[in-house]
C-alpha atoms as a PDB file:
ATOM      1  CA  MET A   1     -84.941  45.427  68.138  1.00  0.00           C
ATOM      2  CA  SER A   2     -87.681  46.612  70.417  1.00  0.00           C
ATOM      3  CA  ALA A   3     -87.722  49.105  73.449  1.00  0.00           C
ATOM      4  CA  THR A   4     -87.934  46.702  76.170  1.00  0.00           C
ATOM      5  CA  SER A   5     -84.801  44.648  75.374  1.00  0.00           C
ATOM      6  CA  ALA A   6     -82.904  47.749  74.372  1.00  0.00           C
ATOM      7  CA  PHE A   7     -83.331  48.940  77.979  1.00  0.00           C
ATOM      8  CA  ALA A   8     -83.092  45.733  79.847  1.00  0.00           C
ATOM      9  CA  PRO A   9     -79.978  45.192  82.255  1.00  0.00           C
ATOM     10  CA  PRO A  10     -76.942  43.121  81.031  1.00  0.00           C
ATOM     11  CA  ASP A  11     -78.022  39.888  83.019  1.00  0.00           C
ATOM     12  CA  ALA A  12     -81.471  39.976  82.486  1.00  0.00           C
ATOM     13  CA  GLY A  13     -81.050  37.065  80.247  1.00  0.00           C
ATOM     14  CA  ARG A  14     -79.499  34.944  82.580  1.00  0.00           C
ATOM     15  CA  LYS A  15     -80.789  32.391  84.524  1.00  0.00           C
ATOM     16  CA  PRO A  16     -80.291  32.547  88.614  1.00  0.00           C
ATOM     17  CA  ALA A  17     -77.255  30.869  89.986  1.00  0.00           C
ATOM     18  CA  HIS A  18     -79.336  28.077  91.775  1.00  0.00           C
ATOM     19  CA  GLU A  19     -79.998  27.273  88.226  1.00  0.00           C
ATOM     20  CA  HIS A  20     -76.786  27.097  86.941  1.00  0.00           C
ATOM     21  CA  ASP A  21     -75.514  25.150  90.003  1.00  0.00           C
ATOM     22  CA  PRO A  22     -78.902  23.285  91.085  1.00  0.00           C
ATOM     23  CA  TYR A  23     -76.987  20.884  93.637  1.00  0.00           C
ATOM     24  CA  ARG A  24     -75.060  23.844  95.488  1.00  0.00           C
ATOM     25  CA  VAL A  25     -71.792  22.188  94.394  1.00  0.00           C
ATOM     26  CA  GLY A  26     -69.988  25.592  94.147  1.00  0.00           C
ATOM     27  CA  ARG A  27     -69.920  27.418  97.733  1.00  0.00           C
ATOM     28  CA  GLY A  28     -71.288  30.994  96.338  1.00  0.00           C
ATOM     29  CA  SER A  29     -74.350  31.989  94.814  1.00  0.00           C
ATOM     30  CA  GLY A  30     -72.727  34.605  91.820  1.00  0.00           C
ATOM     31  CA  GLY A  31     -71.481  33.766  88.505  1.00  0.00           C
ATOM     32  CA  ASP A  32     -67.904  33.502  87.474  1.00  0.00           C
ATOM     33  CA  ASN A  33     -64.937  35.851  88.469  1.00  0.00           C
ATOM     34  CA  GLU A  34     -63.165  36.859  85.711  1.00  0.00           C
ATOM     35  CA  ALA A  35     -60.387  38.224  87.908  1.00  0.00           C
ATOM     36  CA  THR A  36     -59.549  34.882  89.308  1.00  0.00           C
ATOM     37  CA  GLY A  37     -60.924  32.334  86.559  1.00  0.00           C
ATOM     38  CA  HIS A  38     -62.633  30.663  89.188  1.00  0.00           C
ATOM     39  CA  GLY A  39     -66.275  30.304  89.673  1.00  0.00           C
ATOM     40  CA  SER A  40     -68.121  32.113  92.624  1.00  0.00           C
ATOM     41  CA  GLY A  41     -67.492  29.320  94.964  1.00  0.00           C
ATOM     42  CA  GLY A  42     -63.539  30.371  94.617  1.00  0.00           C
ATOM     43  CA  PRO A  43     -60.950  27.446  94.092  1.00  0.00           C
ATOM     44  CA  SER A  44     -61.275  23.885  95.914  1.00  0.00           C
ATOM     45  CA  PRO A  45     -60.464  23.982  99.547  1.00  0.00           C
ATOM     46  CA  LYS A  46     -56.628  23.279 100.357  1.00  0.00           C
ATOM     47  CA  ARG A  47     -57.807  19.568 101.599  1.00  0.00           C
ATOM     48  CA  ILE A  48     -58.852  18.660  98.350  1.00  0.00           C
ATOM     49  CA  VAL A  49     -55.742  20.432  96.700  1.00  0.00           C
ATOM     50  CA  VAL A  50     -53.198  18.963  99.247  1.00  0.00           C
ATOM     51  CA  GLY A  51     -54.961  15.214  98.914  1.00  0.00           C
ATOM     52  CA  TYR A  52     -54.710  15.233  94.994  1.00  0.00           C
ATOM     53  CA  GLY A  53     -51.222  16.348  94.898  1.00  0.00           C
ATOM     54  CA  PHE A  54     -50.356  13.796  97.193  1.00  0.00           C
ATOM     55  CA  TRP A  55     -52.418  10.770  95.388  1.00  0.00           C
ATOM     56  CA  ILE A  56     -50.200  12.187  92.596  1.00  0.00           C
ATOM     57  CA  PHE A  57     -46.932  11.427  94.248  1.00  0.00           C
ATOM     58  CA  ILE A  58     -48.323   8.005  95.651  1.00  0.00           C
ATOM     59  CA  LEU A  59     -49.131   7.068  92.321  1.00  0.00           C
ATOM     60  CA  SER A  60     -45.545   7.972  91.211  1.00  0.00           C
ATOM     61  CA  ASP A  61     -43.916   6.060  94.059  1.00  0.00           C
ATOM     62  CA  ILE A  62     -46.278   3.002  93.074  1.00  0.00           C
ATOM     63  CA  ILE A  63     -44.502   3.294  89.289  1.00  0.00           C
ATOM     64  CA  THR A  64     -41.087   3.322  91.259  1.00  0.00           C
ATOM     65  CA  PHE A  65     -41.435   0.025  92.604  1.00  0.00           C
ATOM     66  CA  SER A  66     -43.204  -1.453  89.839  1.00  0.00           C
ATOM     67  CA  THR A  67     -39.993  -1.051  87.634  1.00  0.00           C
ATOM     68  CA  PHE A  68     -38.267  -2.455  90.458  1.00  0.00           C
ATOM     69  CA  PHE A  69     -40.757  -5.449  90.891  1.00  0.00           C
ATOM     70  CA  ALA A  70     -39.922  -5.989  86.803  1.00  0.00           C
ATOM     71  CA  ALA A  71     -36.345  -5.714  87.064  1.00  0.00           C
ATOM     72  CA  TYR A  72     -36.414  -8.501  90.347  1.00  0.00           C
ATOM     73  CA  ALA A  73     -38.636 -10.608  87.867  1.00  0.00           C
ATOM     74  CA  VAL A  74     -36.001 -10.221  84.961  1.00  0.00           C
ATOM     75  CA  LEU A  75     -33.161 -11.079  87.086  1.00  0.00           C
ATOM     76  CA  LYS A  76     -34.251 -13.795  89.765  1.00  0.00           C
ATOM     77  CA  ASP A  77     -32.624 -16.550  87.912  1.00  0.00           C
ATOM     78  CA  ASN A  78     -29.731 -15.026  87.316  1.00  0.00           C
ATOM     79  CA  THR A  79     -27.451 -16.349  90.376  1.00  0.00           C
ATOM     80  CA  ALA A  80     -24.042 -16.506  88.756  1.00  0.00           C
ATOM     81  CA  GLY A  81     -23.467 -20.054  90.612  1.00  0.00           C
ATOM     82  CA  GLY A  82     -24.616 -18.213  94.035  1.00  0.00           C
ATOM     83  CA  PRO A  83     -27.250 -19.131  96.032  1.00  0.00           C
ATOM     84  CA  SER A  84     -31.050 -18.547  95.178  1.00  0.00           C
ATOM     85  CA  GLY A  85     -33.668 -17.135  97.408  1.00  0.00           C
ATOM     86  CA  ALA A  86     -34.729 -20.647  98.283  1.00  0.00           C
ATOM     87  CA  GLN A  87     -31.767 -21.360  99.697  1.00  0.00           C
ATOM     88  CA  LEU A  88     -31.438 -17.795 101.637  1.00  0.00           C
ATOM     89  CA  PHE A  89     -34.824 -16.535 102.552  1.00  0.00           C
ATOM     90  CA  ASP A  90     -35.994 -17.478 106.235  1.00  0.00           C
ATOM     91  CA  ARG A  91     -39.710 -17.992 106.237  1.00  0.00           C
ATOM     92  CA  GLY A  92     -40.072 -17.443 110.012  1.00  0.00           C
ATOM     93  CA  SER A  93     -38.403 -14.130 110.106  1.00  0.00           C
ATOM     94  CA  VAL A  94     -40.261 -12.583 107.133  1.00  0.00           C
ATOM     95  CA  GLY A  95     -43.629 -13.563 108.430  1.00  0.00           C
ATOM     96  CA  ILE A  96     -42.824 -12.021 111.480  1.00  0.00           C
ATOM     97  CA  GLU A  97     -42.048  -9.080 109.789  1.00  0.00           C
ATOM     98  CA  THR A  98     -44.966  -9.023 107.407  1.00  0.00           C
ATOM     99  CA  VAL A  99     -47.300  -9.425 110.922  1.00  0.00           C
ATOM    100  CA  LEU A 100     -45.611  -6.618 112.003  1.00  0.00           C
ATOM    101  CA  LEU A 101     -46.254  -4.607 109.478  1.00  0.00           C
ATOM    102  CA  LEU A 102     -49.447  -5.459 108.992  1.00  0.00           C
ATOM    103  CA  LEU A 103     -50.678  -4.479 112.875  1.00  0.00           C
ATOM    104  CA  SER A 104     -48.966  -1.134 112.407  1.00  0.00           C
ATOM    105  CA  SER A 105     -51.417  -0.628 109.807  1.00  0.00           C
ATOM    106  CA  PHE A 106     -54.099  -1.313 111.889  1.00  0.00           C
ATOM    107  CA  THR A 107     -52.975   0.890 114.829  1.00  0.00           C
ATOM    108  CA  CYS A 108     -52.637   3.274 111.864  1.00  0.00           C
ATOM    109  CA  GLY A 109     -56.230   3.354 111.377  1.00  0.00           C
ATOM    110  CA  MET A 110     -56.870   3.576 115.056  1.00  0.00           C
ATOM    111  CA  ALA A 111     -54.815   6.744 114.914  1.00  0.00           C
ATOM    112  CA  GLY A 112     -56.751   8.190 112.082  1.00  0.00           C
ATOM    113  CA  LEU A 113     -60.063   7.627 114.089  1.00  0.00           C
ATOM    114  CA  ALA A 114     -58.229   8.960 117.249  1.00  0.00           C
ATOM    115  CA  LEU A 115     -57.443  12.185 114.689  1.00  0.00           C
ATOM    116  CA  ARG A 116     -60.987  12.392 113.511  1.00  0.00           C
ATOM    117  CA  PHE A 117     -62.186  12.667 117.243  1.00  0.00           C
ATOM    118  CA  LYS A 118     -59.329  14.805 118.367  1.00  0.00           C
ATOM    119  CA  ASN A 119     -58.488  12.264 121.075  1.00  0.00           C
ATOM    120  CA  LEU A 120     -54.895  13.452 122.236  1.00  0.00           C
ATOM    121  CA  LEU A 121     -54.136  10.595 124.344  1.00  0.00           C
ATOM    122  CA  TRP A 122     -55.417   7.796 121.842  1.00  0.00           C
ATOM    123  CA  PHE A 123     -53.672   9.473 119.028  1.00  0.00           C
ATOM    124  CA  GLN A 124     -49.966   9.686 120.681  1.00  0.00           C
ATOM    125  CA  VAL A 125     -50.688   5.918 121.973  1.00  0.00           C
ATOM    126  CA  THR A 126     -51.810   4.394 118.515  1.00  0.00           C
ATOM    127  CA  MET A 127     -48.988   6.603 116.836  1.00  0.00           C
ATOM    128  CA  LEU A 128     -46.416   5.526 119.321  1.00  0.00           C
ATOM    129  CA  ALA A 129     -47.524   1.842 118.753  1.00  0.00           C
ATOM    130  CA  THR A 130     -47.243   2.311 115.247  1.00  0.00           C
ATOM    131  CA  ALA A 131     -43.833   3.539 115.378  1.00  0.00           C
ATOM    132  CA  ALA A 132     -42.602   0.797 117.831  1.00  0.00           C
ATOM    133  CA  LEU A 133     -44.203  -1.952 114.971  1.00  0.00           C
ATOM    134  CA  GLY A 134     -42.312  -0.199 112.203  1.00  0.00           C
ATOM    135  CA  VAL A 135     -39.040   0.006 114.162  1.00  0.00           C
ATOM    136  CA  GLY A 136     -39.722  -3.833 114.945  1.00  0.00           C
ATOM    137  CA  PHE A 137     -39.940  -4.367 111.094  1.00  0.00           C
ATOM    138  CA  LEU A 138     -36.820  -2.428 110.306  1.00  0.00           C
ATOM    139  CA  VAL A 139     -34.746  -4.305 112.965  1.00  0.00           C
ATOM    140  CA  LEU A 140     -35.685  -7.520 111.620  1.00  0.00           C
ATOM    141  CA  GLU A 141     -34.747  -6.931 107.691  1.00  0.00           C
ATOM    142  CA  VAL A 142     -31.562  -5.327 109.104  1.00  0.00           C
ATOM    143  CA  HIS A 143     -30.639  -8.194 110.526  1.00  0.00           C
ATOM    144  CA  GLU A 144     -31.832 -10.457 107.481  1.00  0.00           C
ATOM    145  CA  PHE A 145     -29.476  -8.083 105.232  1.00  0.00           C
ATOM    146  CA  ALA A 146     -26.625  -8.445 108.024  1.00  0.00           C
ATOM    147  CA  GLY A 147     -26.840 -12.137 107.687  1.00  0.00           C
ATOM    148  CA  LEU A 148     -26.999 -12.461 103.774  1.00  0.00           C
ATOM    149  CA  ILE A 149     -23.719  -9.949 103.954  1.00  0.00           C
ATOM    150  CA  ALA A 150     -22.114 -12.287 106.449  1.00  0.00           C
ATOM    151  CA  GLN A 151     -22.993 -15.209 104.257  1.00  0.00           C
ATOM    152  CA  GLY A 152     -21.143 -13.931 101.409  1.00  0.00           C
ATOM    153  CA  ALA A 153     -24.674 -13.228  99.925  1.00  0.00           C
ATOM    154  CA  GLY A 154     -24.100  -9.408  99.259  1.00  0.00           C
ATOM    155  CA  PRO A 155     -25.557  -7.335  96.694  1.00  0.00           C
ATOM    156  CA  SER A 156     -22.504  -7.525  94.330  1.00  0.00           C
ATOM    157  CA  ARG A 157     -22.565 -11.285  94.363  1.00  0.00           C
ATOM    158  CA  SER A 158     -25.231 -11.741  91.422  1.00  0.00           C
ATOM    159  CA  ALA A 159     -27.574 -10.160  89.269  1.00  0.00           C
ATOM    160  CA  PHE A 160     -30.555 -11.758  91.552  1.00  0.00           C
ATOM    161  CA  LEU A 161     -29.322 -10.325  94.658  1.00  0.00           C
ATOM    162  CA  SER A 162     -28.335  -7.180  93.481  1.00  0.00           C
ATOM    163  CA  ALA A 163     -32.393  -6.648  92.638  1.00  0.00           C
ATOM    164  CA  PHE A 164     -33.404  -8.086  96.009  1.00  0.00           C
ATOM    165  CA  PHE A 165     -31.241  -5.623  97.850  1.00  0.00           C
ATOM    166  CA  THR A 166     -32.405  -2.883  95.797  1.00  0.00           C
ATOM    167  CA  LEU A 167     -36.233  -3.699  95.996  1.00  0.00           C
ATOM    168  CA  VAL A 168     -36.486  -4.627  99.505  1.00  0.00           C
ATOM    169  CA  GLY A 169     -34.007  -1.990 100.683  1.00  0.00           C
ATOM    170  CA  CYS A 170     -35.806   0.765  98.866  1.00  0.00           C
ATOM    171  CA  HIS A 171     -39.042  -0.300 100.841  1.00  0.00           C
ATOM    172  CA  GLY A 172     -37.117  -0.508 103.976  1.00  0.00           C
ATOM    173  CA  LEU A 173     -35.759   3.110 103.413  1.00  0.00           C
ATOM    174  CA  HIS A 174     -39.593   4.266 102.781  1.00  0.00           C
ATOM    175  CA  VAL A 175     -40.359   2.871 106.145  1.00  0.00           C
ATOM    176  CA  THR A 176     -37.620   4.618 107.680  1.00  0.00           C
ATOM    177  CA  VAL A 177     -39.050   8.111 106.418  1.00  0.00           C
ATOM    178  CA  GLY A 178     -42.446   6.781 107.566  1.00  0.00           C
ATOM    179  CA  ILE A 179     -41.435   6.625 111.216  1.00  0.00           C
ATOM    180  CA  LEU A 180     -39.423   9.759 110.921  1.00  0.00           C
ATOM    181  CA  TRP A 181     -42.699  11.397 109.847  1.00  0.00           C
ATOM    182  CA  LEU A 182     -44.765   9.982 112.263  1.00  0.00           C
ATOM    183  CA  LEU A 183     -42.792  10.863 115.043  1.00  0.00           C
ATOM    184  CA  THR A 184     -42.826  14.354 113.451  1.00  0.00           C
ATOM    185  CA  MET A 185     -46.651  14.760 113.478  1.00  0.00           C
ATOM    186  CA  MET A 186     -46.604  13.366 117.108  1.00  0.00           C
ATOM    187  CA  ALA A 187     -44.397  16.304 118.374  1.00  0.00           C
ATOM    188  CA  GLN A 188     -46.174  19.115 116.202  1.00  0.00           C
ATOM    189  CA  VAL A 189     -49.830  17.505 117.533  1.00  0.00           C
ATOM    190  CA  PHE A 190     -48.435  17.545 121.318  1.00  0.00           C
ATOM    191  CA  ALA A 191     -47.224  21.444 120.453  1.00  0.00           C
ATOM    192  CA  LYS A 192     -49.797  22.648 118.249  1.00  0.00           C
ATOM    193  CA  GLY A 193     -52.893  20.493 118.795  1.00  0.00           C
ATOM    194  CA  PHE A 194     -55.061  19.214 115.849  1.00  0.00           C
ATOM    195  CA  ARG A 195     -54.902  22.141 113.564  1.00  0.00           C
ATOM    196  CA  ASP A 196     -56.161  22.095 110.221  1.00  0.00           C
ATOM    197  CA  ASP A 197     -52.901  21.778 108.753  1.00  0.00           C
ATOM    198  CA  ILE A 198     -51.589  19.448 111.063  1.00  0.00           C
ATOM    199  CA  ILE A 199     -54.390  17.102 110.099  1.00  0.00           C
ATOM    200  CA  ARG A 200     -54.111  17.501 106.585  1.00  0.00           C
ATOM    201  CA  ARG A 201     -50.163  16.362 107.014  1.00  0.00           C
ATOM    202  CA  THR A 202     -51.069  13.252 109.265  1.00  0.00           C
ATOM    203  CA  ALA A 203     -53.642  12.206 107.014  1.00  0.00           C
ATOM    204  CA  CYS A 204     -51.228  12.221 103.847  1.00  0.00           C
ATOM    205  CA  TRP A 205     -48.835  10.372 106.287  1.00  0.00           C
ATOM    206  CA  ALA A 206     -51.473   7.598 107.098  1.00  0.00           C
ATOM    207  CA  LEU A 207     -51.829   7.471 102.807  1.00  0.00           C
ATOM    208  CA  PHE A 208     -48.379   6.867 102.524  1.00  0.00           C
ATOM    209  CA  TRP A 209     -47.850   4.220 105.608  1.00  0.00           C
ATOM    210  CA  HIS A 210     -50.749   2.274 104.100  1.00  0.00           C
ATOM    211  CA  ALA A 211     -49.361   2.406 100.442  1.00  0.00           C
ATOM    212  CA  LEU A 212     -46.032   0.881 102.173  1.00  0.00           C
ATOM    213  CA  ASP A 213     -48.111  -2.010 103.473  1.00  0.00           C
ATOM    214  CA  ILE A 214     -49.595  -2.846 100.002  1.00  0.00           C
ATOM    215  CA  VAL A 215     -46.110  -2.713  98.556  1.00  0.00           C
ATOM    216  CA  TRP A 216     -44.752  -4.969 101.489  1.00  0.00           C
ATOM    217  CA  VAL A 217     -47.514  -7.446 100.476  1.00  0.00           C
ATOM    218  CA  GLY A 218     -46.172  -7.362  96.621  1.00  0.00           C
ATOM    219  CA  VAL A 219     -42.658  -7.952  98.041  1.00  0.00           C
ATOM    220  CA  PHE A 220     -43.886 -10.801 100.641  1.00  0.00           C
ATOM    221  CA  THR A 221     -45.725 -12.376  97.710  1.00  0.00           C
ATOM    222  CA  VAL A 222     -43.095 -12.267  94.647  1.00  0.00           C
ATOM    223  CA  VAL A 223     -40.024 -12.032  96.331  1.00  0.00           C
ATOM    224  CA  TYR A 224     -40.215 -14.399  99.423  1.00  0.00           C
ATOM    225  CA  LEU A 225     -43.001 -16.850  98.924  1.00  0.00           C
ATOM    226  CA  MET A 226     -42.412 -17.283  95.089  1.00  0.00           C
ATOM    227  CA  GLY A 227     -38.597 -17.418  95.790  1.00  0.00           C
ATOM    228  CA  VAL A 228     -39.085 -20.147  98.701  1.00  0.00           C
ATOM    229  CA  SER A 229     -41.262 -22.308  96.489  1.00  0.00           C
ATOM    230  CA  ALA A 230     -39.112 -22.426  93.736  1.00  0.00           C
END
C-alpha cells in the first residue's frame, strides 16, 4: 500500500453524489443514512405513501367485487322456479341510475380541478352536486329493492336473487359510504381550508368514487343488460 493511499480520507474513492444520482431523484446530496435506512433524500413524501396505500385498498375492494361478480355469474340461472332478471328488471329506472352516477363522476372531476386551484366556492358547489347525484342514485336503487321485495322477489327467493341483492347492495353500501365521506371533506375544507392533509384525503375520496363508477359499469352490463336480453 502506498503512503498516499494509506493517508487518504475514507470517502476519497467515492463518486460525487450527483454521479450516484444524475437525475436528482433523491432530495438531498449526501450518501445513505445508516440510522434510517434511507438515502440522503429521506423517505418518500407522505403524498406518495398515502396514495400507494390507498391504491392497495382499492385493488382489494376490486377483488371483493370480483368474487361477487363470479358468484352472480354462476347463480344467475338458478331461479328455483321464480322470476328471472328479464321479468324483474326495469331498464328505464336502471338507465336513469347509470346516468346519475356517470354525471356524478364528471362533477367529481370538476371538484378535483377546483381543489387543485383552491377555489372554495366551486369546490363546494361541485361536491354538493356530486352528493345530490349520488343520493338520487341511492333513492332509485332503494325503490327498486323495495319493489322487488313487494313482488315476493326478495333475496331469500332464489340463489339468483341472493347473488343479485348481494352484488348490487354491496355497491350501494359503498356509494353510501362515499357520500358520507364526501360531506365530511366538504366540512373539513370549509372549516380548515385547503391544508395538505385535507387535499390528500379528498384525492383518496375522488379515487374511491371513480372506482365505484367503474364497478357500476360492470354491474350495469353484466347484471342488467345481459339479464334483460336473456
